[in-house]
Amino acid sequence: MKPLEKLRKLQTELKKFSNARIPDAAKKHLSIAINFDINEKTILPLNPQSSIPAAFSLIVSNQKLVKSHLLLISSMIDVLEYFDNQSLQIILKSIEQVLFQMDEDISLKLLQTIPTFLIKSVFSFNIISSIFSISVSLITHENSLISTTAFASTQQMITLLFEYGKKVKVDQTTCCKIKEQQFTHPVFAESFLLLRDFSNLTQNKQPTFIHVSPFAAINEMWESILISNHKFIKMYPFLLKIIEKTLLFLINTSNNQSHNPANSSNQTKSESKVLSNNVSKNVSNKLTEKGSKNNPKSKSLINSHNISYLSATFRYFSDYFPETSCKFINQILNNNLSYVDVVFLRSVLIRRPDLCFIFDVDLLNKLFQYFYSNCDETQKKPLINASLSSIGIHTALSMDDKSKQTFIRNFSIEIAIIVISAFNSSTNNSNNNKTINHSSSVESVNKSENEPNLTENSSNENLSKNFYKNEEISKKIESTWQGILAIILKGIRLSDPLNVDIIFRAFNLLLSISSQFCINECSSILLRILCAFVAKQKLFRETLHPLENLSNALLHSNVDDLGFKKKRAIAYQMLLSLLYNSPHFFTKFYQRLFISLGMYPHASIDAQFTQKISTDELSKMCVVLCQGTPFCINFLKDVLVVNKERYEFLWPSIVEHIPKWLISPDYVDTTLNLLNEVLLHCFDESVLIVLNKSIESIHPKKKIILMNLTRQILAHSSNKIENRWGELLSVIQPYHCGNDSELLGTAFASLSIICNDHFQKLSESDMQACISSVFEFAAQRVDINIALSSLGLLWVITPFIHQISRFWKRILSETLILFNDPRSDVATCALRTFFSLLSSNTGQMPTDIYDHLIASCFIPLLMTFTSFRAESWAVQQLALLEICHCACSFWQQFESNPQFISNFWPLLIEKQQNFVMNCENQETNVAALQFYEEAFKCSKIDSTLREAILLSFIGAINHFMTHESPGSLVISRLGSFFVATLPTQKEYLTSRQLELWLGAIESIALILPSTSFVNLTAQKVIDSAFSLFPIKNEFALSIIRTLCRICSKTPCTHLRNSIFNILSKIITTKVERSNVFEIIPECSILFAFNEADSFIRLIIDFDFEITEQNCHQYFYIFNKISKNEKYNEQVKKTLIQVLPMIDNGSQIHFLNENSHDVNLLITIWNRFCNDNSFNQQFFDTCSMIILNHIFEKMKPQEDEKVILQILTFIEKSETKFEIIGDNEKCQKWHIYGVIPYLVQLLNDSREKVKTLSRQVFKIIHQDLGKLVL
């Protein structure tokens, strides 16, 4: 709705009161307001001259019209923005008076609208007053929604006003004066007035700026204002004074024990006039006069209603009026602390621990004594949880009685942690920042009251910086440390192990501060207590300090169920931390210290801290350690390592003790560890001599450690070894290890390091020794894995022996010996390594090695293959395969040797075949086939040698087919072998070789059963033959014949189907069309099989190109197919087309063969002998034969249909014109011969036969009549 429409709506509402009984003055204003012309020229905002504000005010204030003016108020709220400040002031003042007469909707509407005028009206004090009066008043509304909205609206507007105050620009035009106080801007004056009124409300006093009465939620509102706007308040002393005044009121009220609201109001007014820059001092004096800390009747300053805002006051503002804050806390502490007081203290100190500096020494000690006595050390449950976590005030106050006791008990320990943490923080800060004393805080108050107090704001970070220097802190600690320590000891005892670390942290801080301020008694007691606690031993001295007695009682008596195991672990870590960071603490405590630490032999100390100790002091420590337990020796090891630059000064005092440690069962392990670290970090190669001499005499169970030391030397100090490689190799010999596999493994690990990383550094003699060690490890029988791994080291060695022939021969000879190792894995590994080294080092080996291999390695090795024992099958098979592979791979290097072709290959083939004949392991036989794969694919092998290999292979196949079951692995592998190998032989095939291959295929296919399906091996060998296509015609025919033989011989339907499929593929894809007529006749023997259907169909549908040259073959093929009854009729019709092209004998034979088939004979006649398709040559040869065969079917006993068919044929049959007698165009002469057969049918009992035969006879008779005229 537009502004003018809204205003007219308001006028409409005003008109409703035209007839109301109202005073004349009201009627006058109402009349003017109703008649006020609102149009497009109306200037907004409206001023009072419109009389609308006055009329509204008079109507609303009339009690008689209360029920009628609600819509009027609602309409007025809608147009508030269209009135000037003077009018707005009148309207809002009127609304104030009827707030609680409005319904809920109008109240909410009003609360949503008035905040929009806050900043606009900042120069109008009355409008600001009305706005806040309205919102604050509605907080007390009985409707919770309105009350909550009003509270939030008030809070929001205060924050909005204060935030606006941070941005305003001040000049002479903005200055204002409120009750003799000058302000540079109205917003500061309004902030002062509002904050003062809210403060008065908390004191149950009547406010002066806003028009409300004290209400229940004022404390919550006050707390909200402090928390949300504390940064703004801190900037202005005149606002801070108001905050301070709330504390003053509480103190005065408590001291007077009674409170009169009226008096309080008067007092507030008077105090507002006398507030000055030295207000804190005046307040302090007043407190001194009125306060009495020993007054037993004093009431507590804190209750559940004000605790929240008091907590906020102290957290945010106590720095700015420290004396008042101090007096307030003193007042609390001088009374008997209530639970609410404890909650307040904790809520303040937990967030602002630095506030503890306002406590004097007596009060601190009194506080410690109070909380110490409130924590019973005999009460073990619940354990104290001094977590210093923040707990909400309302949560704390709502606890049950048991939880409250636990709360106080926890805070009894937390108070000491808070205080010592604050002292420590203050000490650290005072060392880094310039101290700001209290006078600076007072001076800041003398500034203009509405200028930001930046000095005080910057000092807010830490209260201790304002009050205390290190000297004062020292005095406080010196006077209070005993009380703090007593509580800490009780905390260690009673705390939950899960958070006891925070108490030990306080213990550590106390030690640090006492050391810093040279409180030696405190430091000594702390260290003695800590060491005793870690050692689980009570303190015993002639004269014990009371705190030492207390520690004996609390930390060493009745400690079950208190989690002391974890607590001691934390104490142990703290003790170590102290030792690391402040070793000078323990100069007089070495013995006590190491006794404590030695109670945990498996624990360790980081020796880095010893670098800070002088050499003389460190030597003294080492002497003490040498007299100690194995724990001390272990620590001594770390000291030597960390201080290796001072090793030569420390070692002489230690080395004399090593012999006795090594022979002691209790010390030997730690001594070996010490040697381990010394050798690792302070190595000299002369120590290898000691190791070599000691390896024999040391206890067998400790020998492994020396072996490990050797390995570590290689890992970390090998660069320092120059001349002692021989001693090192001697230490790691397998004979030192006996049957201990672990020891053997460690020794081998060292050998591996030497071979992998240092072999090139060795002299030739050391290289020879190293190679010998490798084969000794390979030959040992303790650990086969090491034996296998040692052969792998040859790969590391060989790159460094170059072309040194004796090294190569040594390696090959030693490896060859292992071929006969009874452990098949070792023998196999030796074989693979032998041949892999050969293939990988072709260019590196000397040339004489190849002759050596043939003459001295391969042939002698093959000659030993006289018997084939089962345990040697795998190795022998691998040897034969690898030798074959090597011979093929290095053919060029070997072929110059005369024995290579003449002796080596025949011997190799012979041994291979003998092996296959003797081996009974299927898996090994499968692997043995790889020999033939390797040999067949070698292109260097000539035809003679290849045929010899093939004969050997055929012999192996025959052996397998005879001795193996059809489902054996080796039989299954044969198919894959043929598929993979036979195609590769295509370029090398001779007729003889092809014959051998095809014979093997035929043998396998026919022997292996294929009942329910084609045997996979049989299928694959047949497929291998197919894979040879395309191939020259001679070989193709041989393959076809073989396939046809297999098909004709096998009883297996599935195998025949497979062969027919292959034959179909050959015909359609693998041979030239011109060669098909040569191939298909070879398949004719298969046409009779039922499985030949698809193959025959393929032939029938094949697009033959028939010529005079191939017509006989075509006729032969289809004539053979015709023998299959299924295709007889179809094929014979196909054959008809070539009948004229074949020889006469074949034509006559075909007709005679099919003399019974009347349909075929008639078809042939119609095709070649009738008048339309006459073929003279065929007619001369075959016409009479055809007719005779047809006529012979005209016997009375013949089927009626056949006779009728023949008669119909005769009736219609005509041939070319012939001159017979006088008939020059005779076309029936050829059927004259039918008369003898026709006569028999003239009187046939079958009517149709008789009729048609007579009709045919008449035709013949008529034609005969034309012969002679």
Foldseek 3Di string as FASTA:
>chain_A
DDLLVLLLVLLVLLVVCQPPPFDPVLNVLSVLLNPPDRDPPDDFQDECVSSSLVNLLRQLVPPVCLVRCQVSLLSCLVNLRRHDPVSNLSNLVSCLVCVVSHDDVSLVSNLVRLLVCLVVCLVPLSSNQSSLLSLVAQLPPPDPVSNVSSLVSNLVSLLVLLVVVVPDDFDPVAWDDDPNAIDRHSSLVSNLLVLLQLLLLVVQEHRDRHHDGRDQCSLVSLLSCCVSCLVSLQFFQSSLVSLLVSLLSLLQCQLVVHDDRVVSHVVSVVVVVVDDLVVLVVSLVVCVVRPDLQDAPGDQSDDPRNLSSVLSCLQRRCLLNVSSVLSNVSSCLSYDHDLSNLLSVLSNCLRALLNCVSDDLVSLLVLLVVLLVLADLVDQPPFAALPSDHDDSVRQVPDDPVVSSNVSNNVSLNNLLSNLVSLLVLQVVLVPDQAAEQVVSSVLSPPRRGGTSVVSVVPSPHSCSHHDHPVVSLVSCLSCVVSSLLSLLSNLQRHALVPNLSSVVSLVSNLVSCVVSVVPVSNVLSVVLLLCLLQLHQDDDPDDDPVSVSSCPRRNPPRPPRPSVSSSVSSLVVLLVCCQPPVVSCLVPLVSNCSSVVSDLPDAHQQLSCVVPDPVSVLVSLLVLLPDFLSSLLNVLNNCQNVVVCNVVNVVVRVVSLVVQCPDPRRNVSSLVSVLSCCQRVNAVVCLVVLLVCLQPHDLVCSLSSLLSLQSCLVRPVVNDQPCLVSSLNSLAVVSNPLPVSSVVSSLSNLLSCLQPPLLRDDPVSNVVSLVSLLSQLPDDNDNVSNLVSLVSVVSNVVRVFAPQVVVVVLLVSLLVQCPPLPNVSNQSSLVSNLVCCVVCVVRYDLVVLVCCQPPNQVVVLVVLPDDDQSNLQSVLSNLQSVLLSCLVVVVSNVVPVCSPVPRLVSSLVSLLVSLLPHDDLVSNLSSVSSLQSNLLRPVDALVSNVSSLVSVLSSLVSCLVPPDCPTNNLLSQLVSLQPRLLSCLVVDDPVSLVSLLVSLLVSQQSRDAAVARRPSNLSSLVSLLSSFPDDPVSVLVNLLSLLVSLVPHPHLRSVLSSLVSVLCCCPPGDDLVCNLVRLVSNLVVLQDPSCVVSVVSVVPDPHDDDLVRLVSVLVNLVSNLVHVVCVVVSLVVNLVCLVSDDLVVNLVVCVVCLVPLVSLLVSCVQDFAAVHHDPVCCVRPVLVSLVSLLVQLALVHDPVSLLVSLVSLQPGFGAAPQAAQDRGQGNVSCPVSVVSLVNQCPRPDPVSNVSSVVSVVVVVVSVVNNYD
